[in-house]
Amino acid sequence: MYHSWLDRWDERRARRGEEGKERTALVLDAERAFPGAEKITSLEEFCVLADHAVGGSAIFDCPEGGDQGFERQGEWLKFPSDISTDVEENNIVWAKIADSGSFDRALVIFHHWNASSRNRQIASFFSKRGITVVEIAMPYHFERSRPGSLHADYMLSANLGRTIQSVRQAVLDGRKLIRWLKREGYRDISILGMSLGSWVAGLIAAHEPAVSKASLFLTAGSLADMVWTGRATRAIRDSLEPEIDLTDLRRAWRPLNLENYAHRLARPGLALHVVLAKRDKVVLPELSESFMQKLKDTGAPPNILELNCGHYSLAMPPYILLAGLSLKRFLSSPDKGRRT
């Protein structure tokens, strides 16, 4: 009875999330994803570039000399993004800092898609326990929102190139912030990603050696499969399906598939923690299981907590308390679970 009620609660929450999401046309927009690709006009050409991007893995490399322009005022930090978009507000990155009074540990949080507020309770909890918490705004969210938009439709959409650009921008912004924290003197830096934020956090962990721990909530490997099958992205699938199938979408968004970087997530010195929801209709459990197996196969076995709730009901007691305690244990044990 309780779990049937929980499923209905998740479905009502998903329906509210659909408000304002409209069907749009598929757009390649290759130059946004791959600078210099303005002549790319076919899906096959786009997919070839995506294949090459994964092979070289330079797509998430940080530009030289991009560590300037940081301004801190109280609990707020802002700095210019290394990727310039046609939305001026999106080109300045904002982060909110909950100081712990110690430079021993810092936790950078990457929120979920269409988040309407930051995680004040998480920030307060960990900052009182010696971990400085930094909540970054991902592209087109919070202070970076596109004027007039009802949700962060530019972060994840049927525009294939812009979606890659947005995730890449989120990764580069996160890496830039982490380098700033290192220069400020923070010794141990961890990251936490939630839902879409877990893809960003996972890509950062795979490419940023300064990250020692990564906790991924409600995650999987293939972003294409998540969008195609997930309850929260039906409007995007409806936009894509008349013009592209799942096989081609997987190729087009191959640079965003965490499974392609599993070997990097197995690097020495990185510990992984994952929280999954067994009743998830947004990130289907079979997609998460495939990613977990890939991590195990490459020698990067994560510390996994599976809870019998849905995607949205993870935020409800007792599930959020169990997830929080598991995260606390993970972050508070500097040596346990770390591969050397």
C-alpha atoms as a PDB file:
ATOM      1  CA  MET A   1       0.000   0.000   0.000  1.00  0.00           C
ATOM      2  CA  TYR A   2       2.692   2.479   1.020  1.00  0.00           C
ATOM      3  CA  HIS A   3       4.795   1.931  -2.076  1.00  0.00           C
ATOM      4  CA  SER A   4       1.733   2.243  -4.328  1.00  0.00           C
ATOM      5  CA  TRP A   5       1.064   5.607  -2.705  1.00  0.00           C
ATOM      6  CA  LEU A   6       4.718   6.507  -3.174  1.00  0.00           C
ATOM      7  CA  ASP A   7       4.544   5.670  -6.881  1.00  0.00           C
ATOM      8  CA  ARG A   8       1.456   7.844  -7.275  1.00  0.00           C
ATOM      9  CA  TRP A   9       3.196  10.682  -5.427  1.00  0.00           C
ATOM     10  CA  ASP A  10       6.154  10.445  -7.805  1.00  0.00           C
ATOM     11  CA  GLU A  11       3.832  10.473 -10.798  1.00  0.00           C
ATOM     12  CA  ARG A  12       2.033  13.602  -9.564  1.00  0.00           C
ATOM     13  CA  ARG A  13       5.394  15.269  -9.042  1.00  0.00           C
ATOM     14  CA  ALA A  14       6.440  14.297 -12.569  1.00  0.00           C
ATOM     15  CA  ARG A  15       3.244  15.762 -14.040  1.00  0.00           C
ATOM     16  CA  ARG A  16       3.882  19.076 -12.319  1.00  0.00           C
ATOM     17  CA  GLY A  17       7.368  19.012 -13.788  1.00  0.00           C
ATOM     18  CA  GLU A  18       5.928  18.686 -17.293  1.00  0.00           C
ATOM     19  CA  GLU A  19       4.271  22.085 -17.083  1.00  0.00           C
ATOM     20  CA  GLY A  20       5.813  24.508 -19.536  1.00  0.00           C
ATOM     21  CA  LYS A  21       7.764  21.835 -21.414  1.00  0.00           C
ATOM     22  CA  GLU A  22       6.825  21.948 -25.079  1.00  0.00           C
ATOM     23  CA  ARG A  23       7.682  19.885 -28.113  1.00  0.00           C
ATOM     24  CA  THR A  24      10.339  21.497 -30.310  1.00  0.00           C
ATOM     25  CA  ALA A  25      12.195  20.595 -33.484  1.00  0.00           C
ATOM     26  CA  LEU A  26      15.379  18.545 -33.559  1.00  0.00           C
ATOM     27  CA  VAL A  27      18.350  20.814 -34.257  1.00  0.00           C
ATOM     28  CA  LEU A  28      21.922  19.671 -34.872  1.00  0.00           C
ATOM     29  CA  ASP A  29      23.679  22.955 -34.047  1.00  0.00           C
ATOM     30  CA  ALA A  30      27.014  21.170 -34.437  1.00  0.00           C
ATOM     31  CA  GLU A  31      29.178  24.256 -33.977  1.00  0.00           C
ATOM     32  CA  ARG A  32      27.947  24.691 -30.407  1.00  0.00           C
ATOM     33  CA  ALA A  33      29.142  21.195 -29.556  1.00  0.00           C
ATOM     34  CA  PHE A  34      32.242  21.154 -31.732  1.00  0.00           C
ATOM     35  CA  PRO A  35      33.663  24.638 -32.418  1.00  0.00           C
ATOM     36  CA  GLY A  36      34.590  25.030 -36.079  1.00  0.00           C
ATOM     37  CA  ALA A  37      31.937  22.566 -37.258  1.00  0.00           C
ATOM     38  CA  GLU A  38      29.637  25.173 -38.800  1.00  0.00           C
ATOM     39  CA  LYS A  39      29.570  23.262 -42.116  1.00  0.00           C
ATOM     40  CA  ILE A  40      28.202  20.078 -40.531  1.00  0.00           C
ATOM     41  CA  THR A  41      24.646  19.604 -41.805  1.00  0.00           C
ATOM     42  CA  SER A  42      23.940  15.871 -41.507  1.00  0.00           C
ATOM     43  CA  LEU A  43      23.333  13.680 -38.485  1.00  0.00           C
ATOM     44  CA  GLU A  44      25.976  11.206 -39.664  1.00  0.00           C
ATOM     45  CA  GLU A  45      28.630  13.934 -39.813  1.00  0.00           C
ATOM     46  CA  PHE A  46      27.592  15.070 -36.332  1.00  0.00           C
ATOM     47  CA  CYS A  47      27.935  11.524 -34.990  1.00  0.00           C
ATOM     48  CA  VAL A  48      31.400  11.143 -36.522  1.00  0.00           C
ATOM     49  CA  LEU A  49      32.527  14.272 -34.657  1.00  0.00           C
ATOM     50  CA  ALA A  50      31.004  12.881 -31.470  1.00  0.00           C
ATOM     51  CA  ASP A  51      32.934   9.626 -31.928  1.00  0.00           C
ATOM     52  CA  HIS A  52      36.169  11.558 -32.390  1.00  0.00           C
ATOM     53  CA  ALA A  53      35.457  13.705 -29.316  1.00  0.00           C
ATOM     54  CA  VAL A  54      35.242  10.619 -27.114  1.00  0.00           C
ATOM     55  CA  GLY A  55      38.341   9.096 -28.659  1.00  0.00           C
ATOM     56  CA  GLY A  56      40.450  12.162 -27.922  1.00  0.00           C
ATOM     57  CA  SER A  57      38.640  13.043 -24.667  1.00  0.00           C
ATOM     58  CA  ALA A  58      39.869  16.632 -25.063  1.00  0.00           C
ATOM     59  CA  ILE A  59      36.317  17.934 -25.118  1.00  0.00           C
ATOM     60  CA  PHE A  60      36.435  18.442 -21.341  1.00  0.00           C
ATOM     61  CA  ASP A  61      39.967  19.847 -21.164  1.00  0.00           C
ATOM     62  CA  CYS A  62      40.245  23.287 -19.587  1.00  0.00           C
ATOM     63  CA  PRO A  63      41.616  26.205 -21.632  1.00  0.00           C
ATOM     64  CA  GLU A  64      44.935  27.739 -20.643  1.00  0.00           C
ATOM     65  CA  GLY A  65      44.944  30.895 -18.537  1.00  0.00           C
ATOM     66  CA  GLY A  66      41.289  30.674 -17.553  1.00  0.00           C
ATOM     67  CA  ASP A  67      41.694  31.026 -13.799  1.00  0.00           C
ATOM     68  CA  GLN A  68      41.074  34.761 -13.551  1.00  0.00           C
ATOM     69  CA  GLY A  69      38.054  36.898 -12.707  1.00  0.00           C
ATOM     70  CA  PHE A  70      36.937  35.341  -9.410  1.00  0.00           C
ATOM     71  CA  GLU A  71      35.021  37.711  -7.136  1.00  0.00           C
ATOM     72  CA  ARG A  72      33.811  36.776  -3.676  1.00  0.00           C
ATOM     73  CA  GLN A  73      31.392  38.809  -1.605  1.00  0.00           C
ATOM     74  CA  GLY A  74      30.384  37.115   1.626  1.00  0.00           C
ATOM     75  CA  GLU A  75      28.808  33.763   0.873  1.00  0.00           C
ATOM     76  CA  TRP A  76      28.655  34.431  -2.879  1.00  0.00           C
ATOM     77  CA  LEU A  77      31.311  33.685  -5.480  1.00  0.00           C
ATOM     78  CA  LYS A  78      31.094  34.586  -9.151  1.00  0.00           C
ATOM     79  CA  PHE A  79      33.428  34.128 -12.089  1.00  0.00           C
ATOM     80  CA  PRO A  80      33.258  34.122 -15.897  1.00  0.00           C
ATOM     81  CA  SER A  81      32.538  30.866 -17.677  1.00  0.00           C
ATOM     82  CA  ASP A  82      35.159  29.744 -20.176  1.00  0.00           C
ATOM     83  CA  ILE A  83      32.364  29.086 -22.682  1.00  0.00           C
ATOM     84  CA  SER A  84      30.510  32.065 -24.093  1.00  0.00           C
ATOM     85  CA  THR A  85      26.873  31.564 -25.103  1.00  0.00           C
ATOM     86  CA  ASP A  86      24.242  33.835 -26.606  1.00  0.00           C
ATOM     87  CA  VAL A  87      22.546  34.187 -23.189  1.00  0.00           C
ATOM     88  CA  GLU A  88      24.512  36.833 -21.313  1.00  0.00           C
ATOM     89  CA  GLU A  89      23.264  35.785 -17.886  1.00  0.00           C
ATOM     90  CA  ASN A  90      24.539  32.259 -18.478  1.00  0.00           C
ATOM     91  CA  ASN A  91      28.108  33.394 -19.059  1.00  0.00           C
ATOM     92  CA  ILE A  92      28.682  34.333 -15.411  1.00  0.00           C
ATOM     93  CA  VAL A  93      28.901  31.419 -12.966  1.00  0.00           C
ATOM     94  CA  TRP A  94      27.485  31.871  -9.472  1.00  0.00           C
ATOM     95  CA  ALA A  95      28.176  29.714  -6.440  1.00  0.00           C
ATOM     96  CA  LYS A  96      26.986  29.915  -2.850  1.00  0.00           C
ATOM     97  CA  ILE A  97      29.495  29.023  -0.143  1.00  0.00           C
ATOM     98  CA  ALA A  98      28.665  27.663   3.297  1.00  0.00           C
ATOM     99  CA  ASP A  99      31.964  28.021   5.185  1.00  0.00           C
ATOM    100  CA  SER A 100      32.960  25.400   7.726  1.00  0.00           C
ATOM    101  CA  GLY A 101      35.792  27.476   9.212  1.00  0.00           C
ATOM    102  CA  SER A 102      38.261  24.870   8.016  1.00  0.00           C
ATOM    103  CA  PHE A 103      40.294  24.429   4.834  1.00  0.00           C
ATOM    104  CA  ASP A 104      40.513  20.683   5.352  1.00  0.00           C
ATOM    105  CA  ARG A 105      37.588  19.586   3.161  1.00  0.00           C
ATOM    106  CA  ALA A 106      35.219  21.053   0.580  1.00  0.00           C
ATOM    107  CA  LEU A 107      32.160  19.608  -1.151  1.00  0.00           C
ATOM    108  CA  VAL A 108      30.920  21.011  -4.486  1.00  0.00           C
ATOM    109  CA  ILE A 109      27.253  20.267  -5.254  1.00  0.00           C
ATOM    110  CA  PHE A 110      25.764  19.982  -8.754  1.00  0.00           C
ATOM    111  CA  HIS A 111      21.971  20.180  -8.579  1.00  0.00           C
ATOM    112  CA  HIS A 112      19.318  18.407 -10.622  1.00  0.00           C
ATOM    113  CA  TRP A 113      17.756  19.649 -13.849  1.00  0.00           C
ATOM    114  CA  ASN A 114      15.248  22.486 -13.349  1.00  0.00           C
ATOM    115  CA  ALA A 115      16.144  22.876  -9.684  1.00  0.00           C
ATOM    116  CA  SER A 116      14.249  25.807  -8.186  1.00  0.00           C
ATOM    117  CA  SER A 117      16.383  26.282  -5.082  1.00  0.00           C
ATOM    118  CA  ARG A 118      19.745  25.306  -3.671  1.00  0.00           C
ATOM    119  CA  ASN A 119      20.203  22.561  -1.063  1.00  0.00           C
ATOM    120  CA  ARG A 120      20.258  24.719   2.056  1.00  0.00           C
ATOM    121  CA  GLN A 121      19.789  21.809   4.474  1.00  0.00           C
ATOM    122  CA  ILE A 122      22.659  19.785   2.994  1.00  0.00           C
ATOM    123  CA  ALA A 123      24.915  22.843   3.010  1.00  0.00           C
ATOM    124  CA  SER A 124      24.073  23.639   6.631  1.00  0.00           C
ATOM    125  CA  PHE A 125      24.492  20.032   7.774  1.00  0.00           C
ATOM    126  CA  PHE A 126      27.950  19.485   6.321  1.00  0.00           C
ATOM    127  CA  SER A 127      29.330  22.970   6.951  1.00  0.00           C
ATOM    128  CA  LYS A 128      28.647  22.445  10.666  1.00  0.00           C
ATOM    129  CA  ARG A 129      30.676  19.248  10.478  1.00  0.00           C
ATOM    130  CA  GLY A 130      33.874  20.638   9.063  1.00  0.00           C
ATOM    131  CA  ILE A 131      33.116  20.448   5.340  1.00  0.00           C
ATOM    132  CA  THR A 132      32.797  23.699   3.385  1.00  0.00           C
ATOM    133  CA  VAL A 133      29.935  23.344   0.902  1.00  0.00           C
ATOM    134  CA  VAL A 134      29.908  25.141  -2.448  1.00  0.00           C
ATOM    135  CA  GLU A 135      26.674  25.028  -4.446  1.00  0.00           C
ATOM    136  CA  ILE A 136      27.342  25.956  -8.048  1.00  0.00           C
ATOM    137  CA  ALA A 137      24.646  27.067 -10.483  1.00  0.00           C
ATOM    138  CA  MET A 138      24.709  24.879 -13.580  1.00  0.00           C
ATOM    139  CA  PRO A 139      24.106  26.485 -16.999  1.00  0.00           C
ATOM    140  CA  TYR A 140      20.706  28.162 -17.446  1.00  0.00           C
ATOM    141  CA  HIS A 141      19.739  27.671 -13.765  1.00  0.00           C
ATOM    142  CA  PHE A 142      19.230  30.117 -10.884  1.00  0.00           C
ATOM    143  CA  GLU A 143      21.136  33.350 -11.510  1.00  0.00           C
ATOM    144  CA  ARG A 144      22.105  32.035 -14.961  1.00  0.00           C
ATOM    145  CA  SER A 145      18.541  31.474 -16.177  1.00  0.00           C
ATOM    146  CA  ARG A 146      17.550  32.590 -19.642  1.00  0.00           C
ATOM    147  CA  PRO A 147      15.193  35.593 -19.335  1.00  0.00           C
ATOM    148  CA  GLY A 148      11.595  34.573 -19.903  1.00  0.00           C
ATOM    149  CA  SER A 149      12.229  30.820 -19.716  1.00  0.00           C
ATOM    150  CA  LEU A 150       9.956  28.645 -17.578  1.00  0.00           C
ATOM    151  CA  HIS A 151      12.556  25.926 -17.133  1.00  0.00           C
ATOM    152  CA  ALA A 152      16.165  25.178 -18.095  1.00  0.00           C
ATOM    153  CA  ASP A 153      15.275  24.120 -21.623  1.00  0.00           C
ATOM    154  CA  TYR A 154      18.683  25.168 -22.983  1.00  0.00           C
ATOM    155  CA  MET A 155      20.512  22.771 -20.643  1.00  0.00           C
ATOM    156  CA  LEU A 156      18.817  19.637 -21.956  1.00  0.00           C
ATOM    157  CA  SER A 157      16.756  19.636 -25.133  1.00  0.00           C
ATOM    158  CA  ALA A 158      16.232  18.359 -28.668  1.00  0.00           C
ATOM    159  CA  ASN A 159      19.007  20.713 -29.768  1.00  0.00           C
ATOM    160  CA  LEU A 160      21.788  18.131 -29.895  1.00  0.00           C
ATOM    161  CA  GLY A 161      24.671  20.578 -30.119  1.00  0.00           C
ATOM    162  CA  ARG A 162      23.439  22.932 -27.425  1.00  0.00           C
ATOM    163  CA  THR A 163      22.938  20.041 -24.993  1.00  0.00           C
ATOM    164  CA  ILE A 164      26.547  18.943 -25.475  1.00  0.00           C
ATOM    165  CA  GLN A 165      27.704  22.548 -25.134  1.00  0.00           C
ATOM    166  CA  SER A 166      25.697  23.015 -21.932  1.00  0.00           C
ATOM    167  CA  VAL A 167      27.000  19.866 -20.267  1.00  0.00           C
ATOM    168  CA  ARG A 168      30.528  20.708 -21.404  1.00  0.00           C
ATOM    169  CA  GLN A 169      30.103  24.208 -19.987  1.00  0.00           C
ATOM    170  CA  ALA A 170      28.926  22.758 -16.675  1.00  0.00           C
ATOM    171  CA  VAL A 171      31.979  20.474 -16.546  1.00  0.00           C
ATOM    172  CA  LEU A 172      34.446  23.254 -17.354  1.00  0.00           C
ATOM    173  CA  ASP A 173      32.772  25.610 -14.859  1.00  0.00           C
ATOM    174  CA  GLY A 174      33.009  22.931 -12.190  1.00  0.00           C
ATOM    175  CA  ARG A 175      36.660  22.205 -12.910  1.00  0.00           C
ATOM    176  CA  LYS A 176      37.439  25.926 -12.817  1.00  0.00           C
ATOM    177  CA  LEU A 177      35.749  26.238  -9.416  1.00  0.00           C
ATOM    178  CA  ILE A 178      37.645  23.223  -8.072  1.00  0.00           C
ATOM    179  CA  ARG A 179      40.968  24.709  -9.179  1.00  0.00           C
ATOM    180  CA  TRP A 180      40.036  27.936  -7.341  1.00  0.00           C
ATOM    181  CA  LEU A 181      39.278  25.960  -4.184  1.00  0.00           C
ATOM    182  CA  LYS A 182      42.673  24.293  -4.455  1.00  0.00           C
ATOM    183  CA  ARG A 183      44.391  27.680  -4.776  1.00  0.00           C
ATOM    184  CA  GLU A 184      42.455  28.899  -1.744  1.00  0.00           C
ATOM    185  CA  GLY A 185      44.040  26.085   0.243  1.00  0.00           C
ATOM    186  CA  TYR A 186      41.372  23.378   0.478  1.00  0.00           C
ATOM    187  CA  ARG A 187      43.129  20.044   0.878  1.00  0.00           C
ATOM    188  CA  ASP A 188      40.462  17.463   0.063  1.00  0.00           C
ATOM    189  CA  ILE A 189      37.746  18.200  -2.522  1.00  0.00           C
ATOM    190  CA  SER A 190      34.674  16.034  -3.077  1.00  0.00           C
ATOM    191  CA  ILE A 191      31.751  16.462  -5.437  1.00  0.00           C
ATOM    192  CA  LEU A 192      28.069  15.546  -5.248  1.00  0.00           C
ATOM    193  CA  GLY A 193      25.803  15.363  -8.278  1.00  0.00           C
ATOM    194  CA  MET A 194      22.053  14.803  -8.339  1.00  0.00           C
ATOM    195  CA  SER A 195      20.220  13.368 -11.356  1.00  0.00           C
ATOM    196  CA  LEU A 196      21.434  15.442 -14.354  1.00  0.00           C
ATOM    197  CA  GLY A 197      23.992  16.932 -11.975  1.00  0.00           C
ATOM    198  CA  SER A 198      25.368  13.421 -11.454  1.00  0.00           C
ATOM    199  CA  TRP A 199      26.359  13.278 -15.142  1.00  0.00           C
ATOM    200  CA  VAL A 200      28.213  16.571 -14.707  1.00  0.00           C
ATOM    201  CA  ALA A 201      29.839  15.424 -11.466  1.00  0.00           C
ATOM    202  CA  GLY A 202      30.794  12.095 -13.011  1.00  0.00           C
ATOM    203  CA  LEU A 203      32.439  13.748 -16.003  1.00  0.00           C
ATOM    204  CA  ILE A 204      34.325  16.093 -13.677  1.00  0.00           C
ATOM    205  CA  ALA A 205      35.510  13.213 -11.502  1.00  0.00           C
ATOM    206  CA  ALA A 206      36.720  11.420 -14.634  1.00  0.00           C
ATOM    207  CA  HIS A 207      38.743  14.407 -15.858  1.00  0.00           C
ATOM    208  CA  GLU A 208      39.735  16.420 -12.769  1.00  0.00           C
ATOM    209  CA  PRO A 209      42.523  14.836 -10.698  1.00  0.00           C
ATOM    210  CA  ALA A 210      41.915  17.270  -7.809  1.00  0.00           C
ATOM    211  CA  VAL A 211      38.670  15.435  -6.988  1.00  0.00           C
ATOM    212  CA  SER A 212      39.213  12.695  -4.412  1.00  0.00           C
ATOM    213  CA  LYS A 213      35.598  11.584  -3.897  1.00  0.00           C
ATOM    214  CA  ALA A 214      32.494  11.650  -6.069  1.00  0.00           C
ATOM    215  CA  SER A 215      28.971  10.907  -4.884  1.00  0.00           C
ATOM    216  CA  LEU A 216      26.391  10.386  -7.625  1.00  0.00           C
ATOM    217  CA  PHE A 217      22.693  10.411  -6.734  1.00  0.00           C
ATOM    218  CA  LEU A 218      20.199   8.923  -9.237  1.00  0.00           C
ATOM    219  CA  THR A 219      22.707   8.330 -12.007  1.00  0.00           C
ATOM    220  CA  ALA A 220      23.327   6.098 -15.015  1.00  0.00           C
ATOM    221  CA  GLY A 221      25.711   5.900 -17.936  1.00  0.00           C
ATOM    222  CA  SER A 222      23.892   6.835 -21.136  1.00  0.00           C
ATOM    223  CA  LEU A 223      22.286  10.278 -21.098  1.00  0.00           C
ATOM    224  CA  ALA A 224      20.623   9.419 -24.409  1.00  0.00           C
ATOM    225  CA  ASP A 225      18.896   6.391 -22.886  1.00  0.00           C
ATOM    226  CA  MET A 226      17.847   8.383 -19.847  1.00  0.00           C
ATOM    227  CA  VAL A 227      16.229  11.047 -22.033  1.00  0.00           C
ATOM    228  CA  TRP A 228      14.594   8.451 -24.289  1.00  0.00           C
ATOM    229  CA  THR A 229      13.079   6.347 -21.499  1.00  0.00           C
ATOM    230  CA  GLY A 230      12.728   8.759 -18.584  1.00  0.00           C
ATOM    231  CA  ARG A 231       9.500  10.147 -17.187  1.00  0.00           C
ATOM    232  CA  ALA A 232      10.841  13.706 -16.921  1.00  0.00           C
ATOM    233  CA  THR A 233      11.997  13.994 -20.535  1.00  0.00           C
ATOM    234  CA  ARG A 234       8.974  12.874 -22.535  1.00  0.00           C
ATOM    235  CA  ALA A 235       8.696  16.247 -24.258  1.00  0.00           C
ATOM    236  CA  ILE A 236      12.281  15.908 -25.493  1.00  0.00           C
ATOM    237  CA  ARG A 237      11.677  12.378 -26.767  1.00  0.00           C
ATOM    238  CA  ASP A 238       8.508  13.533 -28.510  1.00  0.00           C
ATOM    239  CA  SER A 239      10.616  16.193 -30.211  1.00  0.00           C
ATOM    240  CA  LEU A 240      13.370  13.786 -31.224  1.00  0.00           C
ATOM    241  CA  GLU A 241      11.495  10.638 -32.196  1.00  0.00           C
ATOM    242  CA  PRO A 242      10.099  11.758 -35.570  1.00  0.00           C
ATOM    243  CA  GLU A 243      13.637  12.491 -36.830  1.00  0.00           C
ATOM    244  CA  ILE A 244      16.126  10.340 -34.931  1.00  0.00           C
ATOM    245  CA  ASP A 245      16.162   6.901 -33.344  1.00  0.00           C
ATOM    246  CA  LEU A 246      17.760   5.907 -30.064  1.00  0.00           C
ATOM    247  CA  THR A 247      20.783   4.312 -31.748  1.00  0.00           C
ATOM    248  CA  ASP A 248      21.724   7.568 -33.463  1.00  0.00           C
ATOM    249  CA  LEU A 249      20.972   9.615 -30.354  1.00  0.00           C
ATOM    250  CA  ARG A 250      23.388   7.411 -28.432  1.00  0.00           C
ATOM    251  CA  ARG A 251      26.069   8.171 -31.014  1.00  0.00           C
ATOM    252  CA  ALA A 252      25.311  11.901 -31.099  1.00  0.00           C
ATOM    253  CA  TRP A 253      25.513  12.200 -27.308  1.00  0.00           C
ATOM    254  CA  ARG A 254      28.304   9.682 -26.907  1.00  0.00           C
ATOM    255  CA  PRO A 255      30.611  12.323 -25.324  1.00  0.00           C
ATOM    256  CA  LEU A 256      28.086  12.615 -22.462  1.00  0.00           C
ATOM    257  CA  ASN A 257      27.863   8.884 -21.702  1.00  0.00           C
ATOM    258  CA  LEU A 258      29.599   8.196 -18.386  1.00  0.00           C
ATOM    259  CA  GLU A 259      30.208   4.576 -19.360  1.00  0.00           C
ATOM    260  CA  ASN A 260      32.709   5.821 -21.940  1.00  0.00           C
ATOM    261  CA  TYR A 261      34.817   7.247 -19.121  1.00  0.00           C
ATOM    262  CA  ALA A 262      34.592   4.332 -16.702  1.00  0.00           C
ATOM    263  CA  HIS A 263      38.318   3.672 -17.077  1.00  0.00           C
ATOM    264  CA  ARG A 264      38.993   7.255 -15.983  1.00  0.00           C
ATOM    265  CA  LEU A 265      36.710   6.830 -12.972  1.00  0.00           C
ATOM    266  CA  ALA A 266      38.923   3.891 -11.989  1.00  0.00           C
ATOM    267  CA  ARG A 267      41.920   6.209 -11.547  1.00  0.00           C
ATOM    268  CA  PRO A 268      43.951   5.811  -8.333  1.00  0.00           C
ATOM    269  CA  GLY A 269      42.925   8.147  -5.534  1.00  0.00           C
ATOM    270  CA  LEU A 270      39.245   8.434  -6.514  1.00  0.00           C
ATOM    271  CA  ALA A 271      36.482   6.915  -4.388  1.00  0.00           C
ATOM    272  CA  LEU A 272      32.931   6.583  -5.724  1.00  0.00           C
ATOM    273  CA  HIS A 273      29.604   6.593  -3.898  1.00  0.00           C
ATOM    274  CA  VAL A 274      26.224   6.049  -5.587  1.00  0.00           C
ATOM    275  CA  VAL A 275      22.644   6.371  -4.346  1.00  0.00           C
ATOM    276  CA  LEU A 276      19.960   4.757  -6.510  1.00  0.00           C
ATOM    277  CA  ALA A 277      16.166   4.499  -6.324  1.00  0.00           C
ATOM    278  CA  LYS A 278      14.673   1.092  -7.080  1.00  0.00           C
ATOM    279  CA  ARG A 279      11.330   2.614  -8.186  1.00  0.00           C
ATOM    280  CA  ASP A 280      12.886   5.360 -10.334  1.00  0.00           C
ATOM    281  CA  LYS A 281      10.908   6.244 -13.476  1.00  0.00           C
ATOM    282  CA  VAL A 282      13.222   9.108 -14.489  1.00  0.00           C
ATOM    283  CA  VAL A 283      16.545   7.268 -14.446  1.00  0.00           C
ATOM    284  CA  LEU A 284      15.433   3.673 -14.968  1.00  0.00           C
ATOM    285  CA  PRO A 285      17.069   1.112 -12.643  1.00  0.00           C
ATOM    286  CA  GLU A 286      18.255  -1.027 -15.558  1.00  0.00           C
ATOM    287  CA  LEU A 287      20.256   1.929 -16.910  1.00  0.00           C
ATOM    288  CA  SER A 288      21.842   2.469 -13.496  1.00  0.00           C
ATOM    289  CA  GLU A 289      22.617  -1.249 -13.154  1.00  0.00           C
ATOM    290  CA  SER A 290      24.374  -1.254 -16.524  1.00  0.00           C
ATOM    291  CA  PHE A 291      26.571   1.651 -15.445  1.00  0.00           C
ATOM    292  CA  MET A 292      27.352   0.044 -12.077  1.00  0.00           C
ATOM    293  CA  GLN A 293      28.445  -3.145 -13.836  1.00  0.00           C
ATOM    294  CA  LYS A 294      30.647  -1.148 -16.195  1.00  0.00           C
ATOM    295  CA  LEU A 295      32.339   0.521 -13.231  1.00  0.00           C
ATOM    296  CA  LYS A 296      32.928  -2.828 -11.558  1.00  0.00           C
ATOM    297  CA  ASP A 297      34.329  -4.307 -14.770  1.00  0.00           C
ATOM    298  CA  THR A 298      36.889  -1.501 -15.055  1.00  0.00           C
ATOM    299  CA  GLY A 299      38.040  -1.779 -11.459  1.00  0.00           C
ATOM    300  CA  ALA A 300      36.089   1.170 -10.067  1.00  0.00           C
ATOM    301  CA  PRO A 301      33.601  -0.516  -7.725  1.00  0.00           C
ATOM    302  CA  PRO A 302      31.406   2.153  -6.123  1.00  0.00           C
ATOM    303  CA  ASN A 303      29.909   2.179  -2.663  1.00  0.00           C
ATOM    304  CA  ILE A 304      26.232   1.696  -3.610  1.00  0.00           C
ATOM    305  CA  LEU A 305      23.091   2.446  -1.601  1.00  0.00           C
ATOM    306  CA  GLU A 306      19.791   1.329  -3.172  1.00  0.00           C
ATOM    307  CA  LEU A 307      16.581   2.641  -1.668  1.00  0.00           C
ATOM    308  CA  ASN A 308      13.046   1.414  -2.338  1.00  0.00           C
ATOM    309  CA  CYS A 309      11.691   4.789  -3.482  1.00  0.00           C
ATOM    310  CA  GLY A 310      11.220   6.785  -6.661  1.00  0.00           C
ATOM    311  CA  HIS A 311      13.223   9.575  -8.261  1.00  0.00           C
ATOM    312  CA  TYR A 312      11.377  12.419  -6.567  1.00  0.00           C
ATOM    313  CA  SER A 313      10.449  10.614  -3.365  1.00  0.00           C
ATOM    314  CA  LEU A 314      14.153  10.217  -2.558  1.00  0.00           C
ATOM    315  CA  ALA A 315      13.723  13.718  -1.124  1.00  0.00           C
ATOM    316  CA  MET A 316      11.190  12.416   1.428  1.00  0.00           C
ATOM    317  CA  PRO A 317      11.872  10.839   4.826  1.00  0.00           C
ATOM    318  CA  PRO A 318      13.099   8.265   5.584  1.00  0.00           C
ATOM    319  CA  TYR A 319      14.904   7.972   2.241  1.00  0.00           C
ATOM    320  CA  ILE A 320      16.633  11.345   2.259  1.00  0.00           C
ATOM    321  CA  LEU A 321      17.836  10.663   5.811  1.00  0.00           C
ATOM    322  CA  LEU A 322      19.291   7.289   4.813  1.00  0.00           C
ATOM    323  CA  ALA A 323      20.927   8.832   1.749  1.00  0.00           C
ATOM    324  CA  GLY A 324      22.319  11.678   3.842  1.00  0.00           C
ATOM    325  CA  LEU A 325      23.782   9.350   6.461  1.00  0.00           C
ATOM    326  CA  SER A 326      25.373   7.222   3.753  1.00  0.00           C
ATOM    327  CA  LEU A 327      26.893  10.331   2.181  1.00  0.00           C
ATOM    328  CA  LYS A 328      28.146  11.519   5.582  1.00  0.00           C
ATOM    329  CA  ARG A 329      29.913   8.210   6.202  1.00  0.00           C
ATOM    330  CA  PHE A 330      31.445   8.338   2.732  1.00  0.00           C
ATOM    331  CA  LEU A 331      32.740  11.898   3.092  1.00  0.00           C
ATOM    332  CA  SER A 332      33.895  11.479   6.682  1.00  0.00           C
ATOM    333  CA  SER A 333      36.162   8.494   6.001  1.00  0.00           C
ATOM    334  CA  PRO A 334      39.169   9.906   4.156  1.00  0.00           C
ATOM    335  CA  ASP A 335      40.829   6.565   3.545  1.00  0.00           C
ATOM    336  CA  LYS A 336      38.014   4.050   3.482  1.00  0.00           C
ATOM    337  CA  GLY A 337      37.066   2.989  -0.016  1.00  0.00           C
ATOM    338  CA  ARG A 338      39.791   5.001  -1.720  1.00  0.00           C
ATOM    339  CA  ARG A 339      41.820   3.081  -4.268  1.00  0.00           C
ATOM    340  CA  THR A 340      45.567   3.629  -4.256  1.00  0.00           C
END
